[in-house]
Amino acid sequence: MNNPMVGIDWIEKSEDELFHSDSVITVDTMVQGFEAEVVKIGTGRRSYVLKVWNKSSKPDIRFQYSLLNVLHERELAVSKPVGWGFNTAKDQALLTTFDGMPFRPQNVKRIAELADILSRIHRMRAEDISNLPLHDFTDYFFPGVSDFPNLQESLIPLVRDAELKQDRLIHGDFHLNNIVEDDGRLTVIDWTNGQLGDTRYDFAWSLLLKRLYVSELYATAFRSAYLSAIEISQVELERFEALACLRWILLNKYGATPGGPDTMKKLKGIVQANPYLKANLVDRA
């Protein structure tokens, strides 16, 4: 495969020798996402990840590069940004260090490490990072909800009563496929949804995904470890878990959620146990 970095107009970069056209590299295709094409680049000494947004999604990669720089300097568990720019088709490209393969936890202790990482992220305030985007909560996380009246009917009072606090850094999609591991070290990747947001929602979304796709045992361990670091009342947690459920149902309507033989059964159980959701919501939505 040809060097995919040739032809990219690099706006910012931190390791000049890597960008020489005559550099000897290896290129391996990685698992492709919904938003971008991803390849692994090896130089013999180190490996990197090149992500090119050549699909419908057009996030602000300049911001991602800047955000990763700040978080890496503060020793949070993120990849080091190496460069960003545009290819000949004007698609945005981001080059970071390669930090391992998708994390698959083997015990609750490792899950607790994830909770600690998320709690450290959530301690980052607006004044700690310049130019953090602030989005309308409903518009960003529930696009198109008006097409589903039953969902919107449940959503409106929940958002109203939640008393949103969009004053901290959130990842926006903290799940296992966005955690990689190398020699025991965990790294959080894919900061496309990084923004100023409500940490209670960010935690509830991550917790829901663990309950649906991992196990109740690991979800409980994640919940306990996080709440030992950052306090959330039971009422708040139930409200934000309800919001997370509504978002999952909405995304499922658009075919944007992975499925499994027991996923919908698990979701129904979670919905039925939540005092802020109607027991038949999954069937009606």
C-alpha atoms as a PDB file:
ATOM      1  CA  MET A   1       0.000   0.000   0.000  1.00  0.00           C
ATOM      2  CA  ASN A   2       1.277   3.479  -0.853  1.00  0.00           C
ATOM      3  CA  ASN A   3       2.137   5.962   1.857  1.00  0.00           C
ATOM      4  CA  PRO A   4      -1.304   7.427   2.748  1.00  0.00           C
ATOM      5  CA  MET A   5       0.316  10.513   4.263  1.00  0.00           C
ATOM      6  CA  VAL A   6       1.736  11.669   0.938  1.00  0.00           C
ATOM      7  CA  GLY A   7      -0.449  14.421  -0.464  1.00  0.00           C
ATOM      8  CA  ILE A   8      -1.806  15.523   2.896  1.00  0.00           C
ATOM      9  CA  ASP A   9      -1.375  19.226   3.578  1.00  0.00           C
ATOM     10  CA  TRP A  10      -0.374  19.162   7.254  1.00  0.00           C
ATOM     11  CA  ILE A  11      -1.569  22.252   9.095  1.00  0.00           C
ATOM     12  CA  GLU A  12       0.085  21.277  12.380  1.00  0.00           C
ATOM     13  CA  LYS A  13       2.575  18.522  13.162  1.00  0.00           C
ATOM     14  CA  SER A  14       4.912  17.581  15.977  1.00  0.00           C
ATOM     15  CA  GLU A  15       7.313  14.969  14.536  1.00  0.00           C
ATOM     16  CA  ASP A  16       8.826  16.298  11.297  1.00  0.00           C
ATOM     17  CA  GLU A  17      10.877  13.223  10.381  1.00  0.00           C
ATOM     18  CA  LEU A  18       7.715  11.110  10.110  1.00  0.00           C
ATOM     19  CA  PHE A  19       6.299  13.295   7.341  1.00  0.00           C
ATOM     20  CA  HIS A  20       9.133  12.935   4.827  1.00  0.00           C
ATOM     21  CA  SER A  21       7.866  11.356   1.603  1.00  0.00           C
ATOM     22  CA  ASP A  22      10.824   8.957   1.539  1.00  0.00           C
ATOM     23  CA  SER A  23      10.168   7.634   5.061  1.00  0.00           C
ATOM     24  CA  VAL A  24      10.010   3.825   5.165  1.00  0.00           C
ATOM     25  CA  ILE A  25       6.663   2.828   6.613  1.00  0.00           C
ATOM     26  CA  THR A  26       4.235  -0.069   6.747  1.00  0.00           C
ATOM     27  CA  VAL A  27       0.483   0.409   6.363  1.00  0.00           C
ATOM     28  CA  ASP A  28      -2.225  -1.863   7.759  1.00  0.00           C
ATOM     29  CA  THR A  29      -5.968  -1.390   7.446  1.00  0.00           C
ATOM     30  CA  MET A  30      -7.813  -1.191  10.754  1.00  0.00           C
ATOM     31  CA  VAL A  31     -11.475  -1.701  11.646  1.00  0.00           C
ATOM     32  CA  GLN A  32     -13.377   1.045   9.845  1.00  0.00           C
ATOM     33  CA  GLY A  33     -15.805   3.334  11.644  1.00  0.00           C
ATOM     34  CA  PHE A  34     -19.018   4.977  10.510  1.00  0.00           C
ATOM     35  CA  GLU A  35     -17.309   8.341  10.153  1.00  0.00           C
ATOM     36  CA  ALA A  36     -13.834   7.788   8.775  1.00  0.00           C
ATOM     37  CA  GLU A  37     -11.269   5.464   7.232  1.00  0.00           C
ATOM     38  CA  VAL A  38      -8.544   4.312   9.608  1.00  0.00           C
ATOM     39  CA  VAL A  39      -5.090   2.826   8.949  1.00  0.00           C
ATOM     40  CA  LYS A  40      -2.184   1.869  11.154  1.00  0.00           C
ATOM     41  CA  ILE A  41       1.205   3.224  10.097  1.00  0.00           C
ATOM     42  CA  GLY A  42       4.438   1.651  11.294  1.00  0.00           C
ATOM     43  CA  THR A  43       7.895   3.201  11.084  1.00  0.00           C
ATOM     44  CA  GLY A  44       9.942   0.375  12.534  1.00  0.00           C
ATOM     45  CA  ARG A  45      10.299   2.184  15.841  1.00  0.00           C
ATOM     46  CA  ARG A  46       6.769   3.350  16.552  1.00  0.00           C
ATOM     47  CA  SER A  47       3.251   2.938  15.240  1.00  0.00           C
ATOM     48  CA  TYR A  48       0.630   5.570  14.491  1.00  0.00           C
ATOM     49  CA  VAL A  49      -3.039   5.797  13.536  1.00  0.00           C
ATOM     50  CA  LEU A  50      -4.160   7.881  10.569  1.00  0.00           C
ATOM     51  CA  LYS A  51      -7.851   8.724  10.491  1.00  0.00           C
ATOM     52  CA  VAL A  52      -9.381  10.397   7.444  1.00  0.00           C
ATOM     53  CA  TRP A  53     -12.925  11.765   7.594  1.00  0.00           C
ATOM     54  CA  ASN A  54     -13.986  11.031   4.015  1.00  0.00           C
ATOM     55  CA  LYS A  55     -17.589  10.129   4.812  1.00  0.00           C
ATOM     56  CA  SER A  56     -20.582  12.250   5.796  1.00  0.00           C
ATOM     57  CA  SER A  57     -19.241  13.284   9.204  1.00  0.00           C
ATOM     58  CA  LYS A  58     -17.189  16.492   9.196  1.00  0.00           C
ATOM     59  CA  PRO A  59     -16.052  17.159  12.784  1.00  0.00           C
ATOM     60  CA  ASP A  60     -13.665  19.901  13.832  1.00  0.00           C
ATOM     61  CA  ILE A  61     -10.312  18.125  13.666  1.00  0.00           C
ATOM     62  CA  ARG A  62      -8.370  21.259  14.556  1.00  0.00           C
ATOM     63  CA  PHE A  63     -10.207  21.211  17.886  1.00  0.00           C
ATOM     64  CA  GLN A  64      -9.578  17.470  18.384  1.00  0.00           C
ATOM     65  CA  TYR A  65      -5.868  17.995  17.812  1.00  0.00           C
ATOM     66  CA  SER A  66      -5.794  20.861  20.313  1.00  0.00           C
ATOM     67  CA  LEU A  67      -7.882  18.940  22.865  1.00  0.00           C
ATOM     68  CA  LEU A  68      -5.647  15.868  22.677  1.00  0.00           C
ATOM     69  CA  ASN A  69      -2.592  18.073  23.155  1.00  0.00           C
ATOM     70  CA  VAL A  70      -4.032  19.547  26.346  1.00  0.00           C
ATOM     71  CA  LEU A  71      -5.179  16.208  27.754  1.00  0.00           C
ATOM     72  CA  HIS A  72      -1.889  14.483  26.866  1.00  0.00           C
ATOM     73  CA  GLU A  73       0.082  17.252  28.567  1.00  0.00           C
ATOM     74  CA  ARG A  74      -2.065  16.783  31.673  1.00  0.00           C
ATOM     75  CA  GLU A  75      -1.239  13.054  31.567  1.00  0.00           C
ATOM     76  CA  LEU A  76      -4.762  11.862  30.938  1.00  0.00           C
ATOM     77  CA  ALA A  77      -5.158   8.528  29.161  1.00  0.00           C
ATOM     78  CA  VAL A  78      -5.299   9.769  25.563  1.00  0.00           C
ATOM     79  CA  SER A  79      -3.233   9.259  22.421  1.00  0.00           C
ATOM     80  CA  LYS A  80      -0.579  11.824  21.614  1.00  0.00           C
ATOM     81  CA  PRO A  81      -1.595  13.930  18.589  1.00  0.00           C
ATOM     82  CA  VAL A  82       1.093  14.012  15.905  1.00  0.00           C
ATOM     83  CA  GLY A  83      -0.458  16.030  13.080  1.00  0.00           C
ATOM     84  CA  TRP A  84      -3.614  17.142  11.334  1.00  0.00           C
ATOM     85  CA  GLY A  85      -4.407  18.482   7.896  1.00  0.00           C
ATOM     86  CA  PHE A  86      -6.318  17.948   4.646  1.00  0.00           C
ATOM     87  CA  ASN A  87      -5.843  15.427   1.861  1.00  0.00           C
ATOM     88  CA  THR A  88      -6.197  16.280  -1.830  1.00  0.00           C
ATOM     89  CA  ALA A  89      -9.969  15.725  -1.625  1.00  0.00           C
ATOM     90  CA  LYS A  90     -10.126  18.277   1.223  1.00  0.00           C
ATOM     91  CA  ASP A  91     -10.999  15.555   3.732  1.00  0.00           C
ATOM     92  CA  GLN A  92      -9.704  16.185   7.236  1.00  0.00           C
ATOM     93  CA  ALA A  93      -6.976  13.880   8.542  1.00  0.00           C
ATOM     94  CA  LEU A  94      -5.653  13.274  12.054  1.00  0.00           C
ATOM     95  CA  LEU A  95      -2.490  11.376  12.953  1.00  0.00           C
ATOM     96  CA  THR A  96      -1.987  10.109  16.513  1.00  0.00           C
ATOM     97  CA  THR A  97       0.143   7.544  18.262  1.00  0.00           C
ATOM     98  CA  PHE A  98      -1.052   3.943  18.112  1.00  0.00           C
ATOM     99  CA  ASP A  99      -1.835   2.844  21.649  1.00  0.00           C
ATOM    100  CA  GLY A 100      -3.014  -0.726  21.366  1.00  0.00           C
ATOM    101  CA  MET A 101      -5.952  -2.904  20.467  1.00  0.00           C
ATOM    102  CA  PRO A 102      -9.569  -2.707  21.709  1.00  0.00           C
ATOM    103  CA  PHE A 103      -9.772  -3.345  25.446  1.00  0.00           C
ATOM    104  CA  ARG A 104     -11.537  -6.491  26.609  1.00  0.00           C
ATOM    105  CA  PRO A 105     -11.755  -6.559  30.424  1.00  0.00           C
ATOM    106  CA  GLN A 106     -10.972  -9.772  32.240  1.00  0.00           C
ATOM    107  CA  ASN A 107     -12.025  -8.773  35.755  1.00  0.00           C
ATOM    108  CA  VAL A 108     -13.844  -6.095  37.734  1.00  0.00           C
ATOM    109  CA  LYS A 109     -10.573  -4.474  38.786  1.00  0.00           C
ATOM    110  CA  ARG A 110      -9.895  -3.497  35.190  1.00  0.00           C
ATOM    111  CA  ILE A 111     -13.417  -2.122  34.860  1.00  0.00           C
ATOM    112  CA  ALA A 112     -12.768   0.001  37.949  1.00  0.00           C
ATOM    113  CA  GLU A 113      -9.730   1.453  36.151  1.00  0.00           C
ATOM    114  CA  LEU A 114     -12.065   2.611  33.387  1.00  0.00           C
ATOM    115  CA  ALA A 115     -14.257   4.362  35.930  1.00  0.00           C
ATOM    116  CA  ASP A 116     -11.214   6.121  37.361  1.00  0.00           C
ATOM    117  CA  ILE A 117     -10.190   7.312  33.886  1.00  0.00           C
ATOM    118  CA  LEU A 118     -13.677   8.682  33.200  1.00  0.00           C
ATOM    119  CA  SER A 119     -13.830  10.440  36.566  1.00  0.00           C
ATOM    120  CA  ARG A 120     -10.493  12.135  35.821  1.00  0.00           C
ATOM    121  CA  ILE A 121     -11.825  13.313  32.466  1.00  0.00           C
ATOM    122  CA  HIS A 122     -14.940  14.669  34.167  1.00  0.00           C
ATOM    123  CA  ARG A 123     -12.884  16.781  36.556  1.00  0.00           C
ATOM    124  CA  MET A 124     -11.706  18.907  33.617  1.00  0.00           C
ATOM    125  CA  ARG A 125     -13.555  22.230  33.780  1.00  0.00           C
ATOM    126  CA  ALA A 126     -14.387  24.749  31.067  1.00  0.00           C
ATOM    127  CA  GLU A 127     -11.543  27.013  32.170  1.00  0.00           C
ATOM    128  CA  ASP A 128      -9.055  24.128  31.905  1.00  0.00           C
ATOM    129  CA  ILE A 129      -9.483  23.814  28.122  1.00  0.00           C
ATOM    130  CA  SER A 130      -9.987  26.686  25.720  1.00  0.00           C
ATOM    131  CA  ASN A 131     -12.612  26.618  22.961  1.00  0.00           C
ATOM    132  CA  LEU A 132     -14.561  23.620  24.240  1.00  0.00           C
ATOM    133  CA  PRO A 133     -17.729  23.498  22.114  1.00  0.00           C
ATOM    134  CA  LEU A 134     -21.054  23.821  23.914  1.00  0.00           C
ATOM    135  CA  HIS A 135     -24.005  22.253  22.079  1.00  0.00           C
ATOM    136  CA  ASP A 136     -27.707  22.267  22.726  1.00  0.00           C
ATOM    137  CA  PHE A 137     -28.199  18.992  24.591  1.00  0.00           C
ATOM    138  CA  THR A 138     -31.372  17.846  22.839  1.00  0.00           C
ATOM    139  CA  ASP A 139     -30.293  18.881  19.346  1.00  0.00           C
ATOM    140  CA  TYR A 140     -26.907  17.163  19.679  1.00  0.00           C
ATOM    141  CA  PHE A 141     -27.801  13.898  21.365  1.00  0.00           C
ATOM    142  CA  PHE A 142     -31.378  13.478  20.101  1.00  0.00           C
ATOM    143  CA  PRO A 143     -31.413  14.634  16.460  1.00  0.00           C
ATOM    144  CA  GLY A 144     -34.666  13.748  14.729  1.00  0.00           C
ATOM    145  CA  VAL A 145     -36.501  12.864  17.943  1.00  0.00           C
ATOM    146  CA  SER A 146     -39.529  14.903  16.782  1.00  0.00           C
ATOM    147  CA  ASP A 147     -40.138  12.161  14.206  1.00  0.00           C
ATOM    148  CA  PHE A 148     -41.016   9.821  17.101  1.00  0.00           C
ATOM    149  CA  PRO A 149     -43.724  11.466  19.275  1.00  0.00           C
ATOM    150  CA  ASN A 150     -43.637   8.767  21.965  1.00  0.00           C
ATOM    151  CA  LEU A 151     -39.924   9.343  22.514  1.00  0.00           C
ATOM    152  CA  GLN A 152     -40.248  13.117  22.422  1.00  0.00           C
ATOM    153  CA  GLU A 153     -43.114  12.980  24.911  1.00  0.00           C
ATOM    154  CA  SER A 154     -40.848  11.199  27.391  1.00  0.00           C
ATOM    155  CA  LEU A 155     -37.781  13.299  26.580  1.00  0.00           C
ATOM    156  CA  ILE A 156     -39.129  16.825  27.102  1.00  0.00           C
ATOM    157  CA  PRO A 157     -39.967  16.561  30.838  1.00  0.00           C
ATOM    158  CA  LEU A 158     -36.778  14.611  31.543  1.00  0.00           C
ATOM    159  CA  VAL A 159     -34.568  17.315  30.028  1.00  0.00           C
ATOM    160  CA  ARG A 160     -36.578  20.013  31.819  1.00  0.00           C
ATOM    161  CA  ASP A 161     -36.288  18.361  35.237  1.00  0.00           C
ATOM    162  CA  ALA A 162     -32.684  17.215  34.851  1.00  0.00           C
ATOM    163  CA  GLU A 163     -31.329  20.750  35.433  1.00  0.00           C
ATOM    164  CA  LEU A 164     -28.452  20.213  33.028  1.00  0.00           C
ATOM    165  CA  LYS A 165     -24.982  21.317  34.080  1.00  0.00           C
ATOM    166  CA  GLN A 166     -22.903  21.614  30.922  1.00  0.00           C
ATOM    167  CA  ASP A 167     -19.763  22.785  32.682  1.00  0.00           C
ATOM    168  CA  ARG A 168     -17.241  19.949  32.349  1.00  0.00           C
ATOM    169  CA  LEU A 169     -15.420  18.021  29.670  1.00  0.00           C
ATOM    170  CA  ILE A 170     -17.265  14.944  28.446  1.00  0.00           C
ATOM    171  CA  HIS A 171     -16.124  12.296  25.982  1.00  0.00           C
ATOM    172  CA  GLY A 172     -19.591  11.766  24.562  1.00  0.00           C
ATOM    173  CA  ASP A 173     -19.230   8.073  23.698  1.00  0.00           C
ATOM    174  CA  PHE A 174     -17.190   6.327  26.385  1.00  0.00           C
ATOM    175  CA  HIS A 175     -17.568   2.627  25.537  1.00  0.00           C
ATOM    176  CA  LEU A 176     -15.207  -0.337  25.254  1.00  0.00           C
ATOM    177  CA  ASN A 177     -14.559   0.051  21.533  1.00  0.00           C
ATOM    178  CA  ASN A 178     -13.199   3.514  22.290  1.00  0.00           C
ATOM    179  CA  ILE A 179     -10.747   2.139  24.848  1.00  0.00           C
ATOM    180  CA  VAL A 180      -7.524   0.500  23.679  1.00  0.00           C
ATOM    181  CA  GLU A 181      -4.899  -1.377  25.655  1.00  0.00           C
ATOM    182  CA  ASP A 182      -1.180  -1.838  25.201  1.00  0.00           C
ATOM    183  CA  ASP A 183       0.838  -3.799  27.756  1.00  0.00           C
ATOM    184  CA  GLY A 184      -1.767  -3.111  30.439  1.00  0.00           C
ATOM    185  CA  ARG A 185      -2.011   0.621  29.736  1.00  0.00           C
ATOM    186  CA  LEU A 186      -5.475   1.935  28.805  1.00  0.00           C
ATOM    187  CA  THR A 187      -6.050   4.823  26.384  1.00  0.00           C
ATOM    188  CA  VAL A 188      -9.272   6.624  25.440  1.00  0.00           C
ATOM    189  CA  ILE A 189      -9.643   7.224  21.701  1.00  0.00           C
ATOM    190  CA  ASP A 190     -12.155   8.870  19.336  1.00  0.00           C
ATOM    191  CA  TRP A 191     -12.777  12.331  20.735  1.00  0.00           C
ATOM    192  CA  THR A 192     -15.159  13.358  17.945  1.00  0.00           C
ATOM    193  CA  ASN A 193     -17.896  14.047  20.520  1.00  0.00           C
ATOM    194  CA  GLY A 194     -15.635  15.778  23.048  1.00  0.00           C
ATOM    195  CA  GLN A 195     -17.415  18.887  24.335  1.00  0.00           C
ATOM    196  CA  LEU A 196     -18.554  20.896  27.310  1.00  0.00           C
ATOM    197  CA  GLY A 197     -21.378  18.839  28.747  1.00  0.00           C
ATOM    198  CA  ASP A 198     -23.112  17.239  31.698  1.00  0.00           C
ATOM    199  CA  THR A 199     -20.931  14.549  33.249  1.00  0.00           C
ATOM    200  CA  ARG A 200     -23.983  12.794  34.705  1.00  0.00           C
ATOM    201  CA  TYR A 201     -25.266  12.088  31.208  1.00  0.00           C
ATOM    202  CA  ASP A 202     -21.818  11.040  29.957  1.00  0.00           C
ATOM    203  CA  PHE A 203     -21.544   8.539  32.813  1.00  0.00           C
ATOM    204  CA  ALA A 204     -25.122   7.258  32.402  1.00  0.00           C
ATOM    205  CA  TRP A 205     -24.589   6.649  28.672  1.00  0.00           C
ATOM    206  CA  SER A 206     -21.384   4.725  29.328  1.00  0.00           C
ATOM    207  CA  LEU A 207     -23.074   2.720  32.080  1.00  0.00           C
ATOM    208  CA  LEU A 208     -26.017   1.808  29.847  1.00  0.00           C
ATOM    209  CA  LEU A 209     -23.715   0.514  27.106  1.00  0.00           C
ATOM    210  CA  LYS A 210     -21.948  -1.719  29.613  1.00  0.00           C
ATOM    211  CA  ARG A 211     -25.262  -3.081  30.840  1.00  0.00           C
ATOM    212  CA  LEU A 212     -26.387  -3.806  27.279  1.00  0.00           C
ATOM    213  CA  TYR A 213     -23.179  -5.087  25.693  1.00  0.00           C
ATOM    214  CA  VAL A 214     -20.865  -6.280  28.467  1.00  0.00           C
ATOM    215  CA  SER A 215     -22.468  -7.644  31.631  1.00  0.00           C
ATOM    216  CA  GLU A 216     -24.455  -6.528  34.633  1.00  0.00           C
ATOM    217  CA  LEU A 217     -21.557  -7.600  36.859  1.00  0.00           C
ATOM    218  CA  TYR A 218     -19.070  -5.338  35.103  1.00  0.00           C
ATOM    219  CA  ALA A 219     -21.603  -2.512  34.832  1.00  0.00           C
ATOM    220  CA  THR A 220     -22.177  -2.666  38.586  1.00  0.00           C
ATOM    221  CA  ALA A 221     -18.422  -2.555  39.235  1.00  0.00           C
ATOM    222  CA  PHE A 222     -18.063   0.416  36.867  1.00  0.00           C
ATOM    223  CA  ARG A 223     -20.962   2.204  38.565  1.00  0.00           C
ATOM    224  CA  SER A 224     -19.613   1.640  42.086  1.00  0.00           C
ATOM    225  CA  ALA A 225     -16.085   2.740  41.231  1.00  0.00           C
ATOM    226  CA  TYR A 226     -17.222   5.908  39.462  1.00  0.00           C
ATOM    227  CA  LEU A 227     -19.689   6.918  42.197  1.00  0.00           C
ATOM    228  CA  SER A 228     -16.982   6.475  44.831  1.00  0.00           C
ATOM    229  CA  ALA A 229     -15.071   9.249  43.040  1.00  0.00           C
ATOM    230  CA  ILE A 230     -17.903  11.513  41.849  1.00  0.00           C
ATOM    231  CA  GLU A 231     -21.184  11.664  43.724  1.00  0.00           C
ATOM    232  CA  ILE A 232     -24.476  11.444  41.848  1.00  0.00           C
ATOM    233  CA  SER A 233     -27.754  11.141  43.737  1.00  0.00           C
ATOM    234  CA  GLN A 234     -30.073   8.219  43.036  1.00  0.00           C
ATOM    235  CA  VAL A 235     -32.706  10.554  41.599  1.00  0.00           C
ATOM    236  CA  GLU A 236     -30.183  12.176  39.276  1.00  0.00           C
ATOM    237  CA  LEU A 237     -28.815   8.826  38.175  1.00  0.00           C
ATOM    238  CA  GLU A 238     -32.263   7.445  37.365  1.00  0.00           C
ATOM    239  CA  ARG A 239     -33.133  10.549  35.342  1.00  0.00           C
ATOM    240  CA  PHE A 240     -29.943  10.423  33.326  1.00  0.00           C
ATOM    241  CA  GLU A 241     -30.185   6.664  32.844  1.00  0.00           C
ATOM    242  CA  ALA A 242     -33.657   7.341  31.426  1.00  0.00           C
ATOM    243  CA  LEU A 243     -32.176   9.896  29.032  1.00  0.00           C
ATOM    244  CA  ALA A 244     -29.522   7.394  27.981  1.00  0.00           C
ATOM    245  CA  CYS A 245     -32.217   4.775  27.280  1.00  0.00           C
ATOM    246  CA  LEU A 246     -34.185   7.230  25.155  1.00  0.00           C
ATOM    247  CA  ARG A 247     -31.106   8.056  23.137  1.00  0.00           C
ATOM    248  CA  TRP A 248     -30.334   4.378  22.549  1.00  0.00           C
ATOM    249  CA  ILE A 249     -33.894   3.757  21.370  1.00  0.00           C
ATOM    250  CA  LEU A 250     -33.682   6.749  19.025  1.00  0.00           C
ATOM    251  CA  LEU A 251     -30.364   5.606  17.549  1.00  0.00           C
ATOM    252  CA  ASN A 252     -31.776   2.110  17.177  1.00  0.00           C
ATOM    253  CA  LYS A 253     -34.608   3.534  15.085  1.00  0.00           C
ATOM    254  CA  TYR A 254     -31.983   4.832  12.666  1.00  0.00           C
ATOM    255  CA  GLY A 255     -30.060   1.541  12.656  1.00  0.00           C
ATOM    256  CA  ALA A 256     -27.092   3.088  14.446  1.00  0.00           C
ATOM    257  CA  THR A 257     -26.795   0.650  17.361  1.00  0.00           C
ATOM    258  CA  PRO A 258     -25.156  -2.768  17.407  1.00  0.00           C
ATOM    259  CA  GLY A 259     -27.487  -5.583  18.284  1.00  0.00           C
ATOM    260  CA  GLY A 260     -27.276  -8.924  19.996  1.00  0.00           C
ATOM    261  CA  PRO A 261     -29.617 -11.780  20.860  1.00  0.00           C
ATOM    262  CA  ASP A 262     -30.381 -10.355  24.316  1.00  0.00           C
ATOM    263  CA  THR A 263     -29.849  -6.619  23.773  1.00  0.00           C
ATOM    264  CA  MET A 264     -33.510  -5.647  23.429  1.00  0.00           C
ATOM    265  CA  LYS A 265     -34.479  -7.929  26.314  1.00  0.00           C
ATOM    266  CA  LYS A 266     -31.907  -6.229  28.528  1.00  0.00           C
ATOM    267  CA  LEU A 267     -33.102  -2.798  27.445  1.00  0.00           C
ATOM    268  CA  LYS A 268     -36.715  -3.630  28.259  1.00  0.00           C
ATOM    269  CA  GLY A 269     -35.681  -4.738  31.738  1.00  0.00           C
ATOM    270  CA  ILE A 270     -33.776  -1.497  32.328  1.00  0.00           C
ATOM    271  CA  VAL A 271     -36.699   0.603  31.059  1.00  0.00           C
ATOM    272  CA  GLN A 272     -39.230  -1.241  33.198  1.00  0.00           C
ATOM    273  CA  ALA A 273     -37.137  -0.690  36.328  1.00  0.00           C
ATOM    274  CA  ASN A 274     -36.716   3.052  35.715  1.00  0.00           C
ATOM    275  CA  PRO A 275     -39.373   5.222  37.415  1.00  0.00           C
ATOM    276  CA  TYR A 276     -39.037   7.934  34.760  1.00  0.00           C
ATOM    277  CA  LEU A 277     -39.881   5.711  31.797  1.00  0.00           C
ATOM    278  CA  LYS A 278     -43.077   3.995  30.749  1.00  0.00           C
ATOM    279  CA  ALA A 279     -42.795   0.212  30.911  1.00  0.00           C
ATOM    280  CA  ASN A 280     -44.097  -0.212  27.357  1.00  0.00           C
ATOM    281  CA  LEU A 281     -41.894   2.514  25.863  1.00  0.00           C
ATOM    282  CA  VAL A 282     -39.680   0.123  23.898  1.00  0.00           C
ATOM    283  CA  ASP A 283     -42.698  -1.487  22.229  1.00  0.00           C
ATOM    284  CA  ARG A 284     -44.438   1.834  21.476  1.00  0.00           C
ATOM    285  CA  ALA A 285     -41.476   3.898  20.311  1.00  0.00           C
END
